[in-house]
């Protein structure tokens, strides 16, 4: 029995307009956008404590590493990396990584983040819509799951709107720099 997932190619380019009138494009990133993606991720860590990286850890990122990150998703079409681009600037991203072992190949782990200035404009909803469509067409992924900080109420509501369900909670799994402990909630959705 092969441990390789079936080859799956899904080209994503979605054009939308935000309530502000700005142009939003959801697509896969190009290798030459590694610097822009890195700066976006670094800014996100300074704006929000809903991410695992601290700002100091994000400063350790480099363009070469981000290029490798993008390339790893491009080289493995069973995974998904999307960027949200507003008027030419990367303002958010979404990833889904398929389980690498046979017993987990039917599941994909998702991550999503958007710059604070672009919250509440429907970008998360557009990224999620694109991801769910991709997962539904994926030949082996049946379940999408992720963990979310318990105090990230707006994100949790977005996920519930897409019929993701809470299936577990790890008390105090996150320790913020100020000493606060935050629960991690695990959510999932069956896409087939």
N, C-alpha and C. Protein backbone atom coordinates (compact mmCIF):
# COMPACT_ATOMS: atom_id res chain seq x y z
N UNK A 1 0.84 -1.17 0.00
CA UNK A 1 0.00 0.00 0.00
C UNK A 1 0.88 1.24 0.00
N UNK A 2 0.62 2.18 -0.87
CA UNK A 2 1.42 3.39 -1.01
C UNK A 2 1.06 4.40 0.07
N UNK A 3 2.06 5.11 0.55
CA UNK A 3 1.82 6.18 1.51
C UNK A 3 1.68 7.52 0.82
N UNK A 4 1.77 7.55 -0.49
CA UNK A 4 1.65 8.78 -1.24
C UNK A 4 0.18 9.15 -1.40
N UNK A 5 -0.11 10.43 -1.22
CA UNK A 5 -1.45 10.92 -1.49
C UNK A 5 -1.63 11.07 -2.99
N UNK A 6 -2.85 10.95 -3.49
CA UNK A 6 -3.08 11.16 -4.91
C UNK A 6 -2.66 12.58 -5.30
N UNK A 7 -2.22 12.73 -6.53
CA UNK A 7 -1.85 14.06 -7.03
C UNK A 7 -3.13 14.87 -7.18
N UNK A 8 -3.09 16.10 -6.70
CA UNK A 8 -4.26 16.96 -6.71
C UNK A 8 -3.79 18.37 -7.04
N UNK A 9 -4.33 18.95 -8.07
CA UNK A 9 -3.94 20.30 -8.46
C UNK A 9 -5.19 21.17 -8.46
N UNK A 10 -5.12 22.29 -7.78
CA UNK A 10 -6.28 23.17 -7.65
C UNK A 10 -5.75 24.59 -7.75
N UNK A 11 -6.01 25.25 -8.84
CA UNK A 11 -5.54 26.61 -9.05
C UNK A 11 -6.60 27.55 -8.49
N UNK A 12 -6.17 28.46 -7.64
CA UNK A 12 -7.11 29.36 -6.99
C UNK A 12 -6.78 30.80 -7.37
N UNK A 13 -7.74 31.47 -7.95
CA UNK A 13 -7.68 32.92 -8.12
C UNK A 13 -9.12 33.41 -8.01
N UNK A 14 -9.42 34.12 -6.95
CA UNK A 14 -10.76 34.64 -6.72
C UNK A 14 -10.67 36.16 -6.57
N UNK A 15 -11.52 36.88 -7.29
CA UNK A 15 -11.55 38.34 -7.22
C UNK A 15 -12.84 38.77 -6.51
N UNK A 16 -12.70 39.71 -5.60
CA UNK A 16 -13.85 40.23 -4.85
C UNK A 16 -13.63 41.72 -4.62
N UNK A 17 -14.68 42.39 -4.16
CA UNK A 17 -14.54 43.76 -3.71
C UNK A 17 -14.97 43.82 -2.25
N UNK A 18 -14.20 44.54 -1.46
CA UNK A 18 -14.50 44.72 -0.04
C UNK A 18 -15.55 45.81 0.11
N UNK A 19 -16.20 45.89 1.28
CA UNK A 19 -17.17 46.96 1.51
C UNK A 19 -16.57 48.36 1.34
N UNK A 20 -15.25 48.45 1.47
CA UNK A 20 -14.54 49.72 1.31
C UNK A 20 -14.35 50.08 -0.16
N UNK A 21 -14.67 49.16 -1.07
CA UNK A 21 -14.45 49.36 -2.50
C UNK A 21 -13.10 48.85 -2.97
N UNK A 22 -12.25 48.45 -2.05
CA UNK A 22 -10.93 47.94 -2.41
C UNK A 22 -11.05 46.57 -3.06
N UNK A 23 -10.08 46.26 -3.92
CA UNK A 23 -10.03 44.98 -4.61
C UNK A 23 -9.38 43.93 -3.72
N UNK A 24 -10.01 42.76 -3.62
CA UNK A 24 -9.47 41.63 -2.87
C UNK A 24 -9.25 40.48 -3.84
N UNK A 25 -8.05 39.91 -3.82
CA UNK A 25 -7.76 38.73 -4.61
C UNK A 25 -7.31 37.63 -3.66
N UNK A 26 -7.93 36.47 -3.76
CA UNK A 26 -7.52 35.28 -3.00
C UNK A 26 -6.81 34.38 -4.00
N UNK A 27 -5.54 34.04 -3.70
CA UNK A 27 -4.76 33.24 -4.65
C UNK A 27 -3.60 32.58 -3.94
N UNK A 28 -2.90 31.73 -4.68
CA UNK A 28 -1.67 31.14 -4.16
C UNK A 28 -0.54 32.16 -4.37
N UNK A 29 0.41 32.22 -3.44
CA UNK A 29 1.49 33.21 -3.56
C UNK A 29 2.57 32.77 -4.55
N UNK A 30 3.27 33.76 -5.06
CA UNK A 30 4.42 33.53 -5.93
C UNK A 30 5.68 33.48 -5.06
N UNK A 31 6.71 32.80 -5.53
CA UNK A 31 7.96 32.70 -4.77
C UNK A 31 8.57 34.08 -4.50
N UNK A 32 8.42 35.01 -5.45
CA UNK A 32 9.02 36.33 -5.25
C UNK A 32 8.23 37.20 -4.26
N UNK A 33 7.17 36.65 -3.69
CA UNK A 33 6.42 37.37 -2.66
C UNK A 33 6.83 36.94 -1.25
N UNK A 34 7.92 36.18 -1.14
CA UNK A 34 8.36 35.70 0.17
C UNK A 34 8.60 36.84 1.14
N UNK A 35 9.22 37.91 0.70
CA UNK A 35 9.48 39.05 1.58
C UNK A 35 8.19 39.70 2.05
N UNK A 36 7.24 39.88 1.14
CA UNK A 36 5.96 40.49 1.50
C UNK A 36 5.19 39.62 2.49
N UNK A 37 5.21 38.30 2.27
CA UNK A 37 4.53 37.39 3.19
C UNK A 37 5.21 37.42 4.56
N UNK A 38 6.53 37.44 4.58
CA UNK A 38 7.27 37.48 5.84
C UNK A 38 6.93 38.75 6.62
N UNK A 39 6.93 39.90 5.94
CA UNK A 39 6.62 41.16 6.62
C UNK A 39 5.18 41.17 7.14
N UNK A 40 4.27 40.58 6.38
CA UNK A 40 2.87 40.48 6.81
C UNK A 40 2.79 39.65 8.10
N UNK A 41 3.45 38.50 8.11
CA UNK A 41 3.43 37.63 9.30
C UNK A 41 4.06 38.34 10.50
N UNK A 42 5.15 39.04 10.27
CA UNK A 42 5.80 39.76 11.37
C UNK A 42 4.89 40.84 11.93
N UNK A 43 4.20 41.57 11.05
CA UNK A 43 3.28 42.60 11.51
C UNK A 43 2.12 41.99 12.29
N UNK A 44 1.61 40.85 11.83
CA UNK A 44 0.51 40.19 12.53
C UNK A 44 0.88 39.87 13.97
N UNK A 45 2.11 39.43 14.20
CA UNK A 45 2.52 39.08 15.57
C UNK A 45 2.61 40.30 16.46
N UNK A 46 2.84 41.48 15.87
CA UNK A 46 2.88 42.71 16.67
C UNK A 46 1.48 43.23 16.98
N UNK A 47 0.50 42.85 16.17
CA UNK A 47 -0.85 43.38 16.29
C UNK A 47 -1.79 42.52 17.12
N UNK A 48 -1.50 41.24 17.24
CA UNK A 48 -2.46 40.32 17.83
C UNK A 48 -1.76 39.28 18.69
N UNK A 49 -2.40 38.91 19.78
CA UNK A 49 -1.87 37.82 20.60
C UNK A 49 -2.61 36.51 20.32
N UNK A 50 -3.33 36.45 19.19
CA UNK A 50 -4.04 35.23 18.80
C UNK A 50 -3.17 34.25 18.02
N UNK A 51 -1.91 34.60 17.78
CA UNK A 51 -1.00 33.75 17.01
C UNK A 51 0.00 33.07 17.94
N UNK A 52 0.54 31.95 17.49
CA UNK A 52 1.51 31.22 18.31
C UNK A 52 2.85 31.93 18.39
N UNK A 53 3.29 32.56 17.30
CA UNK A 53 4.58 33.25 17.30
C UNK A 53 4.51 34.53 18.12
N UNK A 54 5.59 34.83 18.82
CA UNK A 54 5.74 36.15 19.44
C UNK A 54 6.40 37.07 18.41
N UNK A 55 6.32 38.39 18.60
CA UNK A 55 7.01 39.30 17.67
C UNK A 55 8.51 39.01 17.59
N UNK A 56 9.11 38.66 18.72
CA UNK A 56 10.54 38.37 18.73
C UNK A 56 10.85 37.12 17.90
N UNK A 57 10.01 36.11 18.01
CA UNK A 57 10.21 34.89 17.22
C UNK A 57 10.02 35.17 15.73
N UNK A 58 9.05 36.03 15.42
CA UNK A 58 8.80 36.36 14.01
C UNK A 58 9.96 37.12 13.40
N UNK A 59 10.68 37.89 14.21
CA UNK A 59 11.85 38.60 13.69
C UNK A 59 12.94 37.65 13.23
N UNK A 60 12.90 36.41 13.71
CA UNK A 60 13.87 35.40 13.29
C UNK A 60 13.59 34.84 11.90
N UNK A 61 12.45 35.20 11.32
CA UNK A 61 12.13 34.73 9.96
C UNK A 61 13.04 35.43 8.96
N UNK A 62 13.30 34.75 7.86
CA UNK A 62 14.06 35.40 6.79
C UNK A 62 13.42 35.08 5.44
N UNK A 63 13.79 35.85 4.44
CA UNK A 63 13.17 35.71 3.13
C UNK A 63 13.43 34.33 2.54
N UNK A 64 14.62 33.81 2.74
CA UNK A 64 14.94 32.48 2.23
C UNK A 64 14.02 31.42 2.84
N UNK A 65 13.80 31.53 4.15
CA UNK A 65 12.91 30.59 4.83
C UNK A 65 11.47 30.71 4.35
N UNK A 66 11.02 31.94 4.11
CA UNK A 66 9.66 32.14 3.60
C UNK A 66 9.53 31.61 2.18
N UNK A 67 10.58 31.79 1.38
CA UNK A 67 10.56 31.25 0.02
C UNK A 67 10.45 29.72 0.08
N UNK A 68 11.21 29.11 1.00
CA UNK A 68 11.12 27.66 1.16
C UNK A 68 9.72 27.24 1.62
N UNK A 69 9.12 28.06 2.50
CA UNK A 69 7.76 27.80 2.99
C UNK A 69 6.78 27.79 1.81
N UNK A 70 6.83 28.84 0.98
CA UNK A 70 5.94 28.91 -0.18
C UNK A 70 6.21 27.74 -1.12
N UNK A 71 7.47 27.46 -1.37
CA UNK A 71 7.85 26.38 -2.29
C UNK A 71 7.35 25.03 -1.77
N UNK A 72 7.39 24.83 -0.45
CA UNK A 72 6.94 23.55 0.10
C UNK A 72 5.46 23.31 -0.20
N UNK A 73 4.67 24.37 -0.20
CA UNK A 73 3.25 24.23 -0.54
C UNK A 73 3.06 24.05 -2.04
N UNK A 74 3.85 24.75 -2.83
CA UNK A 74 3.75 24.62 -4.29
C UNK A 74 4.17 23.23 -4.75
N UNK A 75 5.17 22.66 -4.06
CA UNK A 75 5.68 21.34 -4.44
C UNK A 75 4.79 20.20 -3.95
N UNK A 76 3.87 20.48 -3.06
CA UNK A 76 2.99 19.46 -2.50
C UNK A 76 1.54 19.90 -2.71
N UNK A 77 0.98 19.63 -3.88
CA UNK A 77 -0.35 20.14 -4.19
C UNK A 77 -1.47 19.58 -3.32
N UNK A 78 -1.16 18.59 -2.48
CA UNK A 78 -2.19 18.11 -1.57
C UNK A 78 -2.37 19.07 -0.39
N UNK A 79 -1.46 20.04 -0.26
CA UNK A 79 -1.56 21.09 0.76
C UNK A 79 -2.07 22.37 0.08
N UNK A 80 -2.48 23.33 0.89
CA UNK A 80 -3.01 24.59 0.36
C UNK A 80 -2.39 25.76 1.09
N UNK A 81 -1.91 26.74 0.33
CA UNK A 81 -1.46 28.02 0.87
C UNK A 81 -2.11 29.10 0.04
N UNK A 82 -2.92 29.93 0.68
CA UNK A 82 -3.58 31.04 0.02
C UNK A 82 -3.13 32.34 0.66
N UNK A 83 -3.07 33.40 -0.15
CA UNK A 83 -2.87 34.74 0.39
C UNK A 83 -4.07 35.59 0.01
N UNK A 84 -4.38 36.53 0.87
CA UNK A 84 -5.40 37.54 0.60
C UNK A 84 -4.65 38.82 0.24
N UNK A 85 -4.90 39.33 -0.95
CA UNK A 85 -4.18 40.49 -1.46
C UNK A 85 -5.18 41.62 -1.67
N UNK A 86 -4.96 42.74 -0.99
CA UNK A 86 -5.83 43.90 -1.13
C UNK A 86 -5.02 45.01 -1.79
N UNK A 87 -5.50 45.44 -2.93
CA UNK A 87 -4.83 46.51 -3.69
C UNK A 87 -3.33 46.27 -3.81
N UNK A 88 -2.96 45.01 -4.06
CA UNK A 88 -1.56 44.67 -4.31
C UNK A 88 -0.74 44.30 -3.09
N UNK A 89 -1.32 44.38 -1.88
CA UNK A 89 -0.59 44.08 -0.65
C UNK A 89 -1.14 42.82 0.01
N UNK A 90 -0.25 41.93 0.44
CA UNK A 90 -0.68 40.73 1.17
C UNK A 90 -1.14 41.16 2.56
N UNK A 91 -2.40 40.83 2.89
CA UNK A 91 -2.97 41.23 4.18
C UNK A 91 -3.42 40.04 5.01
N UNK A 92 -3.31 38.83 4.46
CA UNK A 92 -3.73 37.65 5.20
C UNK A 92 -3.32 36.40 4.46
N UNK A 93 -3.47 35.27 5.16
CA UNK A 93 -3.13 33.99 4.54
C UNK A 93 -3.92 32.88 5.21
N UNK A 94 -3.97 31.76 4.52
CA UNK A 94 -4.61 30.55 5.04
C UNK A 94 -3.80 29.36 4.56
N UNK A 95 -3.60 28.39 5.45
CA UNK A 95 -2.91 27.16 5.08
C UNK A 95 -3.76 25.95 5.46
N UNK A 96 -3.63 24.90 4.69
CA UNK A 96 -4.14 23.58 5.07
C UNK A 96 -3.02 22.59 4.75
N UNK A 97 -2.65 21.82 5.75
CA UNK A 97 -1.61 20.81 5.58
C UNK A 97 -2.24 19.44 5.78
N UNK A 98 -2.17 18.63 4.74
CA UNK A 98 -2.73 17.28 4.82
C UNK A 98 -1.85 16.42 5.73
N UNK A 99 -2.49 15.53 6.49
CA UNK A 99 -1.74 14.59 7.32
C UNK A 99 -0.75 13.81 6.47
N UNK A 100 0.48 13.65 6.95
CA UNK A 100 1.51 13.03 6.10
C UNK A 100 1.55 11.52 6.20
N UNK A 101 0.99 10.96 7.25
CA UNK A 101 0.98 9.51 7.40
C UNK A 101 -0.34 8.94 6.87
N UNK A 102 -0.31 7.72 6.41
CA UNK A 102 -1.49 7.09 5.81
C UNK A 102 -2.73 7.24 6.71
N UNK A 103 -2.55 7.00 8.00
CA UNK A 103 -3.69 7.01 8.92
C UNK A 103 -4.26 8.41 9.14
N UNK A 104 -3.55 9.44 8.66
CA UNK A 104 -4.03 10.82 8.82
C UNK A 104 -4.25 11.53 7.50
N UNK A 105 -4.04 10.85 6.39
CA UNK A 105 -4.16 11.52 5.10
C UNK A 105 -5.56 12.02 4.79
N UNK A 106 -6.54 11.55 5.52
CA UNK A 106 -7.91 12.01 5.29
C UNK A 106 -8.21 13.30 6.06
N UNK A 107 -7.20 13.85 6.75
CA UNK A 107 -7.42 15.08 7.52
C UNK A 107 -6.45 16.17 7.08
N UNK A 108 -6.88 17.40 7.25
CA UNK A 108 -6.05 18.55 6.95
C UNK A 108 -6.12 19.53 8.09
N UNK A 109 -4.97 20.06 8.49
CA UNK A 109 -4.92 21.04 9.58
C UNK A 109 -4.82 22.44 9.00
N UNK A 110 -5.71 23.32 9.44
CA UNK A 110 -5.82 24.67 8.89
C UNK A 110 -5.22 25.70 9.83
N UNK A 111 -4.70 26.77 9.23
CA UNK A 111 -4.29 27.96 9.96
C UNK A 111 -4.71 29.17 9.15
N UNK A 112 -5.07 30.26 9.83
CA UNK A 112 -5.52 31.47 9.13
C UNK A 112 -5.15 32.68 9.97
N UNK A 113 -4.77 33.77 9.30
CA UNK A 113 -4.47 35.02 9.99
C UNK A 113 -4.66 36.18 9.01
N UNK A 114 -5.10 37.31 9.56
CA UNK A 114 -5.36 38.51 8.77
C UNK A 114 -4.85 39.71 9.56
N UNK A 115 -4.25 40.68 8.86
CA UNK A 115 -3.79 41.90 9.52
C UNK A 115 -4.97 42.62 10.18
N UNK A 116 -4.73 43.20 11.34
CA UNK A 116 -5.79 43.83 12.13
C UNK A 116 -6.58 44.89 11.35
N UNK A 117 -5.91 45.71 10.56
CA UNK A 117 -6.61 46.76 9.81
C UNK A 117 -7.61 46.20 8.81
N UNK A 118 -7.56 44.91 8.56
CA UNK A 118 -8.43 44.28 7.57
C UNK A 118 -9.43 43.32 8.20
N UNK A 119 -9.52 43.33 9.54
CA UNK A 119 -10.53 42.52 10.22
C UNK A 119 -11.91 43.09 9.91
N UNK A 120 -12.92 42.25 9.97
CA UNK A 120 -14.33 42.64 9.84
C UNK A 120 -14.68 43.20 8.46
N UNK A 121 -13.93 42.81 7.44
CA UNK A 121 -14.23 43.22 6.07
C UNK A 121 -14.65 42.05 5.19
N UNK A 122 -14.76 40.86 5.78
CA UNK A 122 -15.17 39.69 5.03
C UNK A 122 -14.03 38.89 4.42
N UNK A 123 -12.78 39.27 4.72
CA UNK A 123 -11.63 38.56 4.15
C UNK A 123 -11.54 37.14 4.71
N UNK A 124 -11.72 37.00 6.01
CA UNK A 124 -11.70 35.66 6.61
C UNK A 124 -12.77 34.77 6.01
N UNK A 125 -13.96 35.32 5.80
CA UNK A 125 -15.06 34.56 5.21
C UNK A 125 -14.70 34.12 3.79
N UNK A 126 -14.07 35.00 3.02
CA UNK A 126 -13.67 34.66 1.65
C UNK A 126 -12.59 33.57 1.65
N UNK A 127 -11.61 33.70 2.54
CA UNK A 127 -10.57 32.67 2.64
C UNK A 127 -11.18 31.33 3.03
N UNK A 128 -12.08 31.35 4.01
CA UNK A 128 -12.72 30.12 4.48
C UNK A 128 -13.57 29.49 3.37
N UNK A 129 -14.31 30.30 2.63
CA UNK A 129 -15.13 29.79 1.54
C UNK A 129 -14.26 29.09 0.50
N UNK A 130 -13.15 29.72 0.15
CA UNK A 130 -12.23 29.14 -0.83
C UNK A 130 -11.65 27.84 -0.31
N UNK A 131 -11.26 27.83 0.97
CA UNK A 131 -10.67 26.63 1.57
C UNK A 131 -11.67 25.48 1.61
N UNK A 132 -12.90 25.76 2.01
CA UNK A 132 -13.91 24.69 2.11
C UNK A 132 -14.16 24.09 0.72
N UNK A 133 -14.26 24.94 -0.29
CA UNK A 133 -14.45 24.42 -1.66
C UNK A 133 -13.28 23.54 -2.07
N UNK A 134 -12.06 23.99 -1.77
CA UNK A 134 -10.86 23.21 -2.08
C UNK A 134 -10.92 21.86 -1.36
N UNK A 135 -11.24 21.88 -0.07
CA UNK A 135 -11.27 20.64 0.71
C UNK A 135 -12.35 19.69 0.20
N UNK A 136 -13.49 20.22 -0.19
CA UNK A 136 -14.56 19.37 -0.71
C UNK A 136 -14.15 18.68 -2.01
N UNK A 137 -13.31 19.32 -2.80
CA UNK A 137 -12.86 18.73 -4.06
C UNK A 137 -11.59 17.89 -3.91
N UNK A 138 -10.93 18.01 -2.79
CA UNK A 138 -9.69 17.27 -2.55
C UNK A 138 -10.00 15.77 -2.56
N UNK A 139 -9.17 14.96 -3.21
CA UNK A 139 -9.50 13.54 -3.34
C UNK A 139 -9.44 12.73 -2.05
N UNK A 140 -8.71 13.19 -1.05
CA UNK A 140 -8.59 12.36 0.16
C UNK A 140 -8.98 13.07 1.45
N UNK A 141 -8.92 14.40 1.50
CA UNK A 141 -9.26 15.09 2.75
C UNK A 141 -10.75 14.99 3.02
N UNK A 142 -11.08 14.50 4.20
CA UNK A 142 -12.47 14.37 4.64
C UNK A 142 -12.77 15.26 5.83
N UNK A 143 -11.74 15.60 6.60
CA UNK A 143 -11.90 16.39 7.82
C UNK A 143 -10.90 17.54 7.79
N UNK A 144 -11.37 18.75 8.10
CA UNK A 144 -10.47 19.89 8.31
C UNK A 144 -10.57 20.25 9.79
N UNK A 145 -9.43 20.45 10.42
CA UNK A 145 -9.41 20.76 11.86
C UNK A 145 -8.35 21.81 12.15
N UNK A 146 -8.44 22.41 13.31
CA UNK A 146 -7.47 23.42 13.74
C UNK A 146 -7.69 23.70 15.22
N UNK A 147 -6.79 24.51 15.77
CA UNK A 147 -6.95 24.98 17.14
C UNK A 147 -7.04 26.50 17.12
N UNK A 148 -7.85 27.04 18.00
CA UNK A 148 -8.07 28.48 18.08
C UNK A 148 -8.01 28.90 19.55
N UNK A 149 -7.45 30.08 19.80
CA UNK A 149 -7.40 30.60 21.16
C UNK A 149 -8.84 30.83 21.64
N UNK A 150 -9.15 30.41 22.84
CA UNK A 150 -10.52 30.44 23.35
C UNK A 150 -11.08 31.86 23.45
N UNK A 151 -10.23 32.87 23.58
CA UNK A 151 -10.73 34.24 23.69
C UNK A 151 -10.86 34.94 22.33
N UNK A 152 -10.61 34.22 21.25
CA UNK A 152 -10.76 34.78 19.90
C UNK A 152 -12.20 34.55 19.43
N UNK A 153 -13.12 35.25 20.07
CA UNK A 153 -14.54 35.01 19.89
C UNK A 153 -15.04 35.27 18.47
N UNK A 154 -14.54 36.33 17.83
CA UNK A 154 -14.99 36.62 16.46
C UNK A 154 -14.58 35.51 15.50
N UNK A 155 -13.36 35.01 15.66
CA UNK A 155 -12.91 33.91 14.79
C UNK A 155 -13.74 32.66 15.03
N UNK A 156 -14.00 32.36 16.29
CA UNK A 156 -14.79 31.17 16.62
C UNK A 156 -16.18 31.28 15.99
N UNK A 157 -16.77 32.47 16.04
CA UNK A 157 -18.09 32.65 15.42
C UNK A 157 -18.01 32.44 13.91
N UNK A 158 -16.95 32.95 13.27
CA UNK A 158 -16.77 32.72 11.83
C UNK A 158 -16.72 31.23 11.54
N UNK A 159 -15.94 30.50 12.31
CA UNK A 159 -15.81 29.06 12.08
C UNK A 159 -17.15 28.35 12.29
N UNK A 160 -17.89 28.76 13.30
CA UNK A 160 -19.22 28.17 13.52
C UNK A 160 -20.14 28.45 12.34
N UNK A 161 -20.01 29.63 11.75
CA UNK A 161 -20.82 29.97 10.58
C UNK A 161 -20.54 29.03 9.41
N UNK A 162 -19.36 28.42 9.40
CA UNK A 162 -19.00 27.44 8.38
C UNK A 162 -19.23 26.01 8.87
N UNK A 163 -19.98 25.87 9.95
CA UNK A 163 -20.34 24.57 10.53
C UNK A 163 -19.17 23.80 11.11
N UNK A 164 -18.12 24.51 11.53
CA UNK A 164 -17.07 23.86 12.31
C UNK A 164 -17.60 23.69 13.73
N UNK A 165 -17.24 22.58 14.34
CA UNK A 165 -17.72 22.27 15.69
C UNK A 165 -16.55 22.13 16.64
N UNK A 166 -16.79 22.54 17.88
CA UNK A 166 -15.78 22.34 18.92
C UNK A 166 -15.76 20.86 19.29
N UNK A 167 -14.57 20.30 19.39
CA UNK A 167 -14.47 18.88 19.77
C UNK A 167 -13.47 18.66 20.90
N UNK A 168 -12.92 19.74 21.43
CA UNK A 168 -12.00 19.58 22.55
C UNK A 168 -11.45 20.90 23.01
N UNK A 169 -10.93 20.88 24.22
CA UNK A 169 -10.35 22.08 24.81
C UNK A 169 -9.17 21.67 25.66
N UNK A 170 -8.06 22.36 25.49
CA UNK A 170 -6.87 22.11 26.28
C UNK A 170 -6.67 23.31 27.20
N UNK A 171 -7.03 23.16 28.48
CA UNK A 171 -6.96 24.29 29.41
C UNK A 171 -5.53 24.79 29.59
N UNK A 172 -5.38 26.11 29.52
CA UNK A 172 -4.09 26.74 29.77
C UNK A 172 -2.99 26.36 28.80
N UNK A 173 -3.35 25.94 27.60
CA UNK A 173 -2.35 25.47 26.63
C UNK A 173 -1.44 26.59 26.13
N UNK A 174 -1.93 27.81 26.18
CA UNK A 174 -1.15 28.97 25.73
C UNK A 174 -0.74 29.78 26.95
N UNK A 175 0.55 30.13 26.99
CA UNK A 175 1.04 31.02 28.05
C UNK A 175 1.53 32.29 27.37
N UNK A 176 0.79 33.37 27.61
CA UNK A 176 1.18 34.65 27.02
C UNK A 176 2.40 35.21 27.76
N UNK A 177 3.06 36.19 27.15
CA UNK A 177 4.27 36.76 27.76
C UNK A 177 3.98 37.42 29.10
N UNK A 178 2.75 37.90 29.29
CA UNK A 178 2.39 38.53 30.56
C UNK A 178 1.96 37.52 31.62
N UNK A 179 2.06 36.23 31.29
CA UNK A 179 1.73 35.18 32.25
C UNK A 179 0.33 34.63 32.14
N UNK A 180 -0.55 35.32 31.41
CA UNK A 180 -1.92 34.82 31.26
C UNK A 180 -1.91 33.46 30.58
N UNK A 181 -2.83 32.60 31.01
CA UNK A 181 -3.02 31.29 30.38
C UNK A 181 -4.32 31.32 29.59
N UNK A 182 -4.25 30.80 28.38
CA UNK A 182 -5.40 30.78 27.47
C UNK A 182 -5.67 29.34 27.06
N UNK A 183 -6.93 28.95 27.07
CA UNK A 183 -7.31 27.63 26.57
C UNK A 183 -7.21 27.60 25.05
N UNK A 184 -6.88 26.43 24.52
CA UNK A 184 -6.94 26.19 23.08
C UNK A 184 -8.16 25.32 22.80
N UNK A 185 -8.97 25.75 21.84
CA UNK A 185 -10.15 25.00 21.43
C UNK A 185 -9.83 24.30 20.11
N UNK A 186 -10.12 23.02 20.03
CA UNK A 186 -9.98 22.28 18.78
C UNK A 186 -11.35 22.26 18.10
N UNK A 187 -11.34 22.60 16.80
CA UNK A 187 -12.57 22.60 16.02
C UNK A 187 -12.35 21.77 14.76
N UNK A 188 -13.44 21.25 14.21
CA UNK A 188 -13.33 20.42 13.01
C UNK A 188 -14.60 20.53 12.18
N UNK A 189 -14.47 20.10 10.92
CA UNK A 189 -15.62 20.00 10.02
C UNK A 189 -15.38 18.81 9.10
N UNK A 190 -16.41 17.99 8.94
CA UNK A 190 -16.37 16.93 7.93
C UNK A 190 -16.75 17.58 6.60
N UNK A 191 -15.87 17.46 5.61
CA UNK A 191 -16.12 18.09 4.31
C UNK A 191 -16.65 17.09 3.28
N UNK A 192 -16.73 15.84 3.67
CA UNK A 192 -17.30 14.80 2.80
C UNK A 192 -18.16 13.87 3.63
